[in-house]
Every structure is written in C-alpha cells, then in structure tokens.
Amino acid sequence: MQHAAYLRGAGNTRFGRVEGSTPLTLMAQATDAALADAGLARADIDGVLCGYATTLPHLMLATRFCEYASLDPAYAHGVASGGATGGVMAMLARELVGAGRCRNVLVVAGENRLCGQSRDQSIQTLAQVGEPDMEVPNGASVPAYYALLASRYLAETGMHADALSGFAVLMREHAAGHPDAHLREPLTLDAARAARPIATPLRLSDCCPISDGAVALVVSAEPGGGTPVRITGAGQAHRHQHLCALDSVMATGAADAARRALAQAGNTIGQIDYLAIYDSFTITLAMLLEELGIAARGGSPQRLAAGDFARDGALPLNTHGGLLAFGHSGVAGGLMHLAEATRQLAGKAGARQLPPRKRALFHADGGVLSSHVSLVLEAA
C-alpha cells in the first residue's frame, strides 16, 4: 500500500553573502527552521537526503551533516543531479515515505558558494558540466552553454533577446517582497536591457547571482498542523548530459518529466494554479515554460506581458524571486522554489501570501537542461 507523503515543514537561511558561513552551518540553520515549522524534534527524523556542495566536496556529506547536526537517521545518503537535485531528493523522500521505509525525511542542501570559493574556482567547477573532449577544451562556461541554447531557441521561435528581460524584472519584483532574497533592488526593463553582455545574447540581468544559503524541507507520512500539502505526482527525464548531444532545443526532456508527474497526479496542466519553475537564466525560464505547455512556442513573453505570471495573475510564478533574484546557492537555489510553493499552498507565505492556491507545478533542471524533475503539489 502506497502511503501519502506531505511537505510538512520548510526552512531557509537568507541568501546572498553570509560571511563566516560553511555548508554545514547553513544547512543546520535551515534544518532548525524546517523542524520548527514541521513541529518535529531531531529524534523524529528517520531519513536524511543531502544535496552535494561544491565548496565541501565530502564523499559522505549526508553522514557528515548528520554528525554535525546531531541527527541519527535509519536511512541517509547524498544526492547529485545538478540543479534538479532538490526536486530529485523530494521525489525520493516521497518514495521512502510512501513505501513505509521512513516517516519523516529531511531534505537539505546549502553551501557558501559566494564567499567560500573564488571566481576562478567557481568557473572551473561549473565548466565540468561540459563534454570533456570537445566542449571543455574550447573554454566554454555554463553561461556560454546557455547562450548557445538561447541563440538556437530564439532563431527557431522568432523570439527577440530583449523579450527575455521581462522575466528578470518580474523576479526582482517578487524578490523585493522576501526579506531573505539576495537581489531586492528594483530592476527596470531599460536597465535590464542595458546590462553588460556576458555571453551573447545573454546579459548580466539574464543570469542568476551566485549566493550563500541553504534550504531544508521535511517530507512526512503525517501532514502536521495547518493546511496539508501533499506531493501527488512526480516524474523525471534524462535525455542528454552534454549540450552537443541534445537533438533539439524543442525537446530537452522537460515535457516528459511533467507529463509523467501530471499523469501520476491525475491532473492536466490546466489545473495548475501556481508555478515553481527553475530559472538559472531567463532563457531557461522561457524554454521551460514553453516546453511544459504553459505557453506556446515563442509565446512566454506574451503571457508575461499580459500579467499572467504576476502575483495577481492567473499563474503566479516564483513569488520568492527565483534563482534570478532570490539567489542561486547550488542545490539550495532550486530547492527554494519548492519551499516557496509549499508555503503558498499551506498559507504560510506571510506578506507574500496569495489568495488560496490548489495545485502547484514544480520543475527543475540540472546541467544544461539535462536532468529534469517535475512535482505536482496539492493543498488538501
């Protein structure tokens, strides 16, 4: 018998520059907040899933963190799937709870990616997502890979690069309402389009910041207090690792993951009323919104301009500010999308709280739109 799995608690640190922090201190702080939100003690946690950290590449990070945070789980391991890791961990936690293996699984990730490594170290680490014989020797970086995706996608859809800037502006607007966000300063459309180029056609405003920060969630067999939020569907897809192996920018695997998650939940995309979509770059967000069927090909800027993704729109999107403004602290950056969706459905978003929402679609990708995971959340 498959048991229900609930997102019972969520916690996070602030994102940005957190001097003196380490992955362990950040994850411990987020864990304390998640346990308090869930109304659970450390002894109640019988499963721990820990995302990797580039600033602490420990071979047994989950066990190391349990030691540091005084946790004694019956099940624990580390997980690595790029930016999709947070969603993958939540999906696995759901399976563990559903199978009766665990009752309360802590899903946690964090690192001091901004103050814990130099720019050169960061570039060197992230460059390794490239194909080792052709892409890496030619000096490509992660922004360059996404710029190549953008160039092809814009050409095939007829979308103009300037149309992407609106997503950066919207994420800044949303981040302004969250006290823990990295970039809370207003960003105008003109300023976004005047930002310096990073990898044509992507400008600085099209790229997420590098942040310190951590996020933790508790996936439980019991809903706890307040409005229960259940994971009703989950799906993954893995069509390629390297950009040079991607057959078409129109089919990266995102649609496959979402189709599987929606089918398991018994829902259609039209029944979703909140979006938590990965946005490492503005082109990532546009491509995912369109491949997931939320907008027509080349049509996501039109839905954006119509206000559909605003707080008061039909499909509020990343109301915490997303990676583009709340910040990107490795695995924790994507996991924060899930934390915000959980809070919105549970009615725990404070000043950012929307009118009641029924269902959320979470989607994240790792690598260069390589590993995909979708989750459907439902407020009971």
Protein backbone atom coordinates (compact mmCIF):
# COMPACT_ATOMS: atom_id res chain seq x y z
CA MET A 1 0.00 0.00 0.00
CA GLN A 2 1.38 3.40 -1.00
CA HIS A 3 1.17 5.97 1.79
CA ALA A 4 0.65 9.69 1.21
CA ALA A 5 3.65 11.98 1.56
CA TYR A 6 3.27 15.54 2.84
CA LEU A 7 5.53 18.56 2.69
CA ARG A 8 5.24 19.22 6.41
CA GLY A 9 7.87 21.87 7.07
CA ALA A 10 10.15 24.29 5.24
CA GLY A 11 13.07 26.41 6.37
CA ASN A 12 15.76 28.56 4.78
CA THR A 13 18.59 30.92 5.59
CA ARG A 14 18.92 34.28 3.95
CA PHE A 15 20.64 34.20 0.56
CA GLY A 16 23.49 36.47 -0.53
CA ARG A 17 26.87 36.96 1.12
CA VAL A 18 26.88 35.24 4.51
CA GLU A 19 30.36 35.85 5.90
CA GLY A 20 31.83 33.10 8.07
CA SER A 21 29.34 30.52 6.83
CA THR A 22 30.05 26.96 5.72
CA PRO A 23 27.75 24.43 4.06
CA LEU A 24 27.31 22.72 7.44
CA THR A 25 26.39 25.87 9.37
CA LEU A 26 23.97 26.98 6.66
CA MET A 27 22.28 23.57 6.38
CA ALA A 28 21.99 23.33 10.16
CA GLN A 29 20.29 26.72 10.34
CA ALA A 30 17.81 25.78 7.60
CA THR A 31 17.18 22.42 9.30
CA ASP A 32 16.35 24.10 12.61
CA ALA A 33 13.81 26.31 10.83
CA ALA A 34 12.24 23.38 8.94
CA LEU A 35 11.92 21.26 12.09
CA ALA A 36 10.31 24.15 13.95
CA ASP A 37 7.86 24.68 11.08
CA ALA A 38 7.05 20.96 11.00
CA GLY A 39 6.64 20.73 14.77
CA LEU A 40 9.16 17.90 14.95
CA ALA A 41 12.23 17.13 17.04
CA ARG A 42 15.57 15.84 15.74
CA ALA A 43 14.73 12.39 17.07
CA ASP A 44 11.66 12.28 14.79
CA ILE A 45 13.83 12.42 11.65
CA ASP A 46 14.48 8.87 10.42
CA GLY A 47 15.67 9.74 6.91
CA VAL A 48 18.11 12.36 5.58
CA LEU A 49 18.77 13.28 1.96
CA CYS A 50 21.55 15.79 1.46
CA GLY A 51 22.44 17.68 -1.71
CA TYR A 52 26.05 17.98 -2.84
CA ALA A 53 28.12 21.09 -2.13
CA THR A 54 30.93 22.26 -4.41
CA THR A 55 32.54 24.13 -1.51
CA LEU A 56 32.58 20.98 0.65
CA PRO A 57 33.09 18.03 -1.73
CA HIS A 58 32.92 15.45 1.05
CA LEU A 59 32.47 11.87 -0.14
CA MET A 60 29.90 11.21 2.61
CA LEU A 61 28.26 14.60 3.02
CA ALA A 62 24.93 13.26 4.30
CA THR A 63 26.65 11.30 7.07
CA ARG A 64 28.95 14.24 7.82
CA PHE A 65 25.95 16.55 8.15
CA CYS A 66 24.08 14.11 10.39
CA GLU A 67 27.11 14.03 12.66
CA TYR A 68 27.31 17.83 12.71
CA ALA A 69 23.58 18.37 13.27
CA SER A 70 23.09 15.59 15.85
CA LEU A 71 20.81 13.52 13.64
CA ASP A 72 20.57 9.73 13.92
CA PRO A 73 18.55 8.55 10.90
CA ALA A 74 17.88 4.96 9.84
CA TYR A 75 18.38 5.99 6.21
CA ALA A 76 20.67 8.64 4.69
CA HIS A 77 22.66 9.43 1.60
CA GLY A 78 23.92 12.23 -0.59
CA VAL A 79 22.34 13.10 -3.94
CA ALA A 80 23.78 14.81 -7.02
CA SER A 81 21.76 15.72 -10.10
CA GLY A 82 22.82 19.29 -10.75
CA GLY A 83 20.13 21.92 -10.34
CA ALA A 84 17.49 19.20 -10.34
CA THR A 85 18.89 17.70 -7.13
CA GLY A 86 16.38 19.37 -4.80
CA GLY A 87 13.45 18.01 -6.77
CA VAL A 88 15.06 14.59 -7.09
CA MET A 89 15.55 14.46 -3.31
CA ALA A 90 11.92 15.43 -2.68
CA MET A 91 10.78 12.78 -5.13
CA LEU A 92 12.92 10.15 -3.42
CA ALA A 93 11.70 11.28 0.01
CA ARG A 94 8.16 10.77 -1.22
CA GLU A 95 9.02 7.25 -2.33
CA LEU A 96 10.64 6.44 1.02
CA VAL A 97 7.63 7.69 2.95
CA GLY A 98 5.18 6.10 0.53
CA ALA A 99 6.84 2.72 0.89
CA GLY A 100 6.83 2.94 4.67
CA ARG A 101 10.63 2.95 4.86
CA CYS A 102 10.68 6.33 6.65
CA ARG A 103 8.14 8.54 8.38
CA ASN A 104 9.96 11.89 8.42
CA VAL A 105 12.62 12.59 5.81
CA LEU A 106 14.78 15.70 5.99
CA VAL A 107 15.69 17.06 2.55
CA VAL A 108 18.50 19.60 2.92
CA ALA A 109 21.05 21.46 0.82
CA GLY A 110 23.24 24.51 1.14
CA GLU A 111 26.65 25.96 0.53
CA ASN A 112 28.67 29.15 0.83
CA ARG A 113 29.11 29.38 -2.92
CA LEU A 114 29.66 33.15 -2.86
CA CYS A 115 32.14 33.59 -0.01
CA GLY A 116 33.53 30.03 0.05
CA GLN A 117 35.27 29.93 -3.31
CA SER A 118 36.99 32.28 -5.74
CA ARG A 119 35.57 33.26 -9.09
CA ASP A 120 38.16 31.08 -10.85
CA GLN A 121 37.28 28.09 -8.67
CA SER A 122 33.60 28.57 -9.41
CA ILE A 123 34.20 28.79 -13.15
CA GLN A 124 36.43 25.72 -13.10
CA THR A 125 33.89 23.68 -11.13
CA LEU A 126 30.89 24.65 -13.24
CA ALA A 127 32.77 24.22 -16.53
CA GLN A 128 32.97 20.49 -15.86
CA VAL A 129 29.35 20.03 -16.95
CA GLY A 130 30.78 20.28 -20.48
CA GLU A 131 31.71 17.35 -22.70
CA PRO A 132 35.37 16.67 -21.79
CA ASP A 133 36.84 16.06 -25.26
CA MET A 134 35.18 18.84 -27.26
CA GLU A 135 33.38 21.38 -25.08
CA VAL A 136 35.66 21.84 -22.06
CA PRO A 137 38.95 22.18 -24.03
CA ASN A 138 37.36 25.00 -26.03
CA GLY A 139 36.84 27.02 -22.87
CA ALA A 140 33.05 27.07 -22.70
CA SER A 141 31.39 28.07 -19.44
CA VAL A 142 27.87 27.48 -18.14
CA PRO A 143 26.67 30.91 -19.36
CA ALA A 144 28.17 30.11 -22.76
CA TYR A 145 26.27 26.82 -22.96
CA TYR A 146 23.01 28.57 -22.15
CA ALA A 147 23.86 31.32 -24.62
CA LEU A 148 24.20 28.68 -27.32
CA LEU A 149 20.82 27.26 -26.31
CA ALA A 150 19.36 30.76 -26.38
CA SER A 151 20.76 31.58 -29.82
CA ARG A 152 19.25 28.47 -31.32
CA TYR A 153 15.94 28.78 -29.50
CA LEU A 154 15.49 32.45 -30.38
CA ALA A 155 16.25 31.68 -34.02
CA GLU A 156 13.78 28.79 -34.20
CA THR A 157 10.93 30.58 -32.41
CA GLY A 158 11.45 34.10 -33.69
CA MET A 159 11.67 35.42 -30.12
CA HIS A 160 13.84 38.51 -29.62
CA ALA A 161 16.51 38.55 -26.92
CA ASP A 162 15.01 41.74 -25.45
CA ALA A 163 11.83 39.80 -24.69
CA LEU A 164 13.74 37.80 -22.06
CA SER A 165 14.45 40.86 -19.91
CA GLY A 166 10.89 40.98 -18.60
CA PHE A 167 11.46 37.77 -16.68
CA ALA A 168 14.42 39.30 -14.84
CA VAL A 169 12.30 42.34 -13.97
CA LEU A 170 9.44 40.19 -12.65
CA MET A 171 11.74 38.10 -10.47
CA ARG A 172 13.19 41.28 -8.93
CA GLU A 173 9.66 42.48 -8.20
CA HIS A 174 8.89 39.22 -6.43
CA ALA A 175 12.19 39.14 -4.53
CA ALA A 176 11.51 42.63 -3.16
CA GLY A 177 8.80 41.05 -1.02
CA HIS A 178 11.06 38.43 0.56
CA PRO A 179 13.44 39.60 3.33
CA ASP A 180 15.87 36.72 2.68
CA ALA A 181 16.39 37.39 -1.05
CA HIS A 182 19.83 38.20 -2.46
CA LEU A 183 18.77 40.84 -5.02
CA ARG A 184 15.94 43.01 -3.69
CA GLU A 185 16.80 46.22 -5.53
CA PRO A 186 14.30 47.21 -8.26
CA LEU A 187 15.26 46.47 -11.85
CA THR A 188 13.68 48.37 -14.72
CA LEU A 189 13.22 46.96 -18.19
CA ASP A 190 15.59 49.58 -19.63
CA ALA A 191 18.26 48.74 -17.06
CA ALA A 192 17.92 45.02 -17.72
CA ARG A 193 18.40 45.55 -21.44
CA ALA A 194 21.35 47.89 -20.87
CA ALA A 195 23.21 45.39 -18.68
CA ARG A 196 26.64 44.33 -19.89
CA PRO A 197 26.87 41.26 -22.12
CA ILE A 198 28.03 38.01 -20.53
CA ALA A 199 27.63 35.54 -23.41
CA THR A 200 25.66 36.84 -26.35
CA PRO A 201 22.66 37.02 -26.39
CA LEU A 202 22.64 36.80 -22.56
CA ARG A 203 23.31 39.91 -20.50
CA LEU A 204 24.18 40.12 -16.81
CA SER A 205 20.49 40.65 -15.99
CA ASP A 206 19.69 37.35 -17.73
CA CYS A 207 21.94 35.43 -15.32
CA CYS A 208 21.30 34.42 -11.70
CA PRO A 209 23.66 35.65 -8.96
CA ILE A 210 25.96 33.32 -7.04
CA SER A 211 24.85 33.15 -3.41
CA ASP A 212 25.47 31.65 0.01
CA GLY A 213 22.42 29.98 1.52
CA ALA A 214 20.59 26.80 2.50
CA VAL A 215 17.09 25.30 2.38
CA ALA A 216 15.53 22.36 4.19
CA LEU A 217 12.20 20.57 3.83
CA VAL A 218 10.57 17.79 5.82
CA VAL A 219 8.60 15.17 3.87
CA SER A 220 6.37 13.21 6.23
CA ALA A 221 3.78 10.49 6.46
CA GLU A 222 1.64 12.84 8.59
CA PRO A 223 0.57 16.32 7.44
CA GLY A 224 1.16 18.15 10.71
CA GLY A 225 -0.77 21.32 11.55
CA GLY A 226 -2.33 23.79 9.16
CA THR A 227 -3.29 23.17 5.54
CA PRO A 228 -1.76 19.87 4.39
CA VAL A 229 0.37 19.97 1.23
CA ARG A 230 0.78 16.60 -0.48
CA ILE A 231 3.10 15.53 -3.30
CA THR A 232 0.62 13.88 -5.66
CA GLY A 233 2.79 13.31 -8.71
CA ALA A 234 6.46 13.08 -9.68
CA GLY A 235 8.38 12.46 -12.87
CA GLN A 236 11.88 12.65 -14.29
CA ALA A 237 13.58 12.66 -17.71
CA HIS A 238 17.25 12.37 -18.71
CA ARG A 239 17.78 12.67 -22.46
CA HIS A 240 21.31 14.02 -22.51
CA GLN A 241 24.13 15.28 -20.32
CA HIS A 242 26.09 17.46 -22.72
CA LEU A 243 24.78 20.18 -24.98
CA CYS A 244 26.45 18.64 -28.03
CA ALA A 245 24.29 15.53 -27.52
CA LEU A 246 20.98 17.42 -27.46
CA ASP A 247 18.99 16.59 -30.58
CA SER A 248 16.61 19.54 -30.45
CA VAL A 249 16.16 22.61 -28.26
CA MET A 250 12.43 21.94 -28.61
CA ALA A 251 12.62 18.65 -26.71
CA THR A 252 15.03 18.71 -23.77
CA GLY A 253 13.09 16.23 -21.60
CA ALA A 254 11.12 18.76 -19.56
CA ALA A 255 7.82 17.82 -21.21
CA ASP A 256 8.43 14.12 -20.50
CA ALA A 257 9.04 14.75 -16.78
CA ALA A 258 5.96 16.95 -16.45
CA ARG A 259 3.76 14.52 -18.38
CA ARG A 260 4.76 11.71 -16.02
CA ALA A 261 4.17 13.82 -12.92
CA LEU A 262 0.80 15.13 -14.08
CA ALA A 263 -0.36 11.66 -15.12
CA GLN A 264 0.53 10.24 -11.73
CA ALA A 265 -1.31 13.09 -10.01
CA GLY A 266 -4.32 12.67 -12.28
CA ASN A 267 -4.17 16.30 -13.38
CA THR A 268 -3.69 18.36 -16.52
CA ILE A 269 -1.54 21.44 -16.93
CA GLY A 270 -4.74 23.47 -16.98
CA GLN A 271 -5.47 22.53 -13.37
CA ILE A 272 -2.25 24.08 -12.10
CA ASP A 273 -2.63 27.50 -10.45
CA TYR A 274 0.90 28.14 -9.13
CA LEU A 275 4.27 27.76 -10.87
CA ALA A 276 7.68 27.00 -9.35
CA ILE A 277 9.94 26.84 -12.40
CA TYR A 278 13.75 26.74 -12.48
CA ASP A 279 15.28 29.98 -13.76
CA SER A 280 19.07 29.84 -13.74
CA PHE A 281 18.90 32.14 -16.78
CA THR A 282 15.99 33.97 -18.35
CA ILE A 283 16.26 31.65 -21.36
CA THR A 284 15.93 28.64 -19.02
CA LEU A 285 12.65 30.01 -17.74
CA ALA A 286 11.27 30.87 -21.18
CA MET A 287 12.21 27.48 -22.66
CA LEU A 288 10.78 25.53 -19.73
CA LEU A 289 7.50 27.48 -19.65
CA GLU A 290 7.03 26.70 -23.32
CA GLU A 291 8.13 23.06 -23.33
CA LEU A 292 5.95 22.37 -20.29
CA GLY A 293 2.95 23.63 -22.26
CA ILE A 294 2.31 26.70 -20.11
CA ALA A 295 2.88 28.96 -23.11
CA ALA A 296 3.05 28.45 -26.86
CA ARG A 297 6.45 28.26 -28.54
CA GLY A 298 7.86 31.77 -28.50
CA GLY A 299 4.82 32.90 -26.52
CA SER A 300 6.04 33.06 -22.92
CA PRO A 301 6.94 36.79 -23.17
CA GLN A 302 3.37 37.49 -24.28
CA ARG A 303 1.93 35.73 -21.23
CA LEU A 304 4.43 37.61 -19.09
CA ALA A 305 3.42 40.96 -20.61
CA ALA A 306 -0.25 40.13 -20.04
CA GLY A 307 0.46 39.80 -16.32
CA ASP A 308 -0.30 36.09 -16.12
CA PHE A 309 2.83 35.31 -14.07
CA ALA A 310 2.47 38.22 -11.65
CA ARG A 311 1.33 37.82 -8.05
CA ASP A 312 -2.22 38.72 -9.05
CA GLY A 313 -2.10 36.83 -12.34
CA ALA A 314 -3.63 33.53 -13.38
CA LEU A 315 -0.38 31.63 -12.79
CA PRO A 316 1.84 33.31 -10.19
CA LEU A 317 5.46 32.36 -10.88
CA ASN A 318 8.28 32.05 -8.34
CA THR A 319 6.82 34.52 -5.85
CA HIS A 320 10.05 34.48 -3.83
CA GLY A 321 12.09 35.81 -6.76
CA GLY A 322 13.52 32.61 -8.19
CA LEU A 323 17.17 31.95 -8.88
CA LEU A 324 17.35 35.18 -10.85
CA ALA A 325 16.72 37.34 -7.78
CA PHE A 326 16.31 35.30 -4.60
CA GLY A 327 19.67 33.75 -5.46
CA HIS A 328 21.50 30.61 -6.50
CA SER A 329 23.33 28.65 -3.82
CA GLY A 330 23.80 25.41 -5.72
CA VAL A 331 21.23 22.74 -4.88
CA ALA A 332 19.53 25.03 -2.35
CA GLY A 333 18.67 27.52 -5.10
CA GLY A 334 16.32 25.09 -6.81
CA LEU A 335 15.06 23.67 -3.52
CA MET A 336 13.91 27.17 -2.54
CA HIS A 337 11.34 27.05 -5.36
CA LEU A 338 9.81 24.02 -3.67
CA ALA A 339 9.89 25.70 -0.26
CA GLU A 340 8.04 28.73 -1.62
CA ALA A 341 5.44 26.61 -3.40
CA THR A 342 4.87 24.66 -0.17
CA ARG A 343 4.39 27.84 1.82
CA GLN A 344 2.00 29.35 -0.70
CA LEU A 345 -0.20 26.25 -0.77
CA ALA A 346 -0.06 25.89 3.02
CA GLY A 347 -0.94 29.55 3.59
CA LYS A 348 2.40 30.19 5.33
CA ALA A 349 3.94 32.77 2.97
CA GLY A 350 3.36 35.75 5.23
CA ALA A 351 3.34 39.09 3.42
CA ARG A 352 3.79 37.28 0.10
CA GLN A 353 0.72 35.10 0.65
CA LEU A 354 -1.51 34.75 -2.39
CA PRO A 355 -5.24 34.03 -2.31
CA PRO A 356 -5.71 30.28 -1.75
CA ARG A 357 -4.00 28.09 -4.36
CA LYS A 358 -4.91 24.47 -5.01
CA ARG A 359 -2.11 22.95 -7.11
CA ALA A 360 1.47 23.84 -7.92
CA LEU A 361 3.82 22.54 -10.59
CA PHE A 362 7.47 22.46 -9.58
CA HIS A 363 10.05 21.85 -12.29
CA ALA A 364 13.84 21.95 -12.13
CA ASP A 365 16.67 21.02 -14.45
CA GLY A 366 20.30 20.12 -13.88
CA GLY A 367 23.28 20.59 -16.16
CA VAL A 368 22.39 22.24 -19.47
CA LEU A 369 18.67 21.41 -19.43
CA SER A 370 19.93 17.86 -18.93
CA SER A 371 18.29 16.23 -15.90
CA HIS A 372 14.63 17.11 -15.38
CA VAL A 373 12.28 16.56 -12.47
CA SER A 374 8.65 17.65 -12.07
CA LEU A 375 6.50 17.52 -8.96
CA VAL A 376 2.79 18.21 -8.55
CA LEU A 377 1.80 19.58 -5.15
CA GLU A 378 -1.76 19.79 -3.88
CA ALA A 379 -3.29 21.61 -0.94
CA ALA A 380 -5.67 19.20 0.76
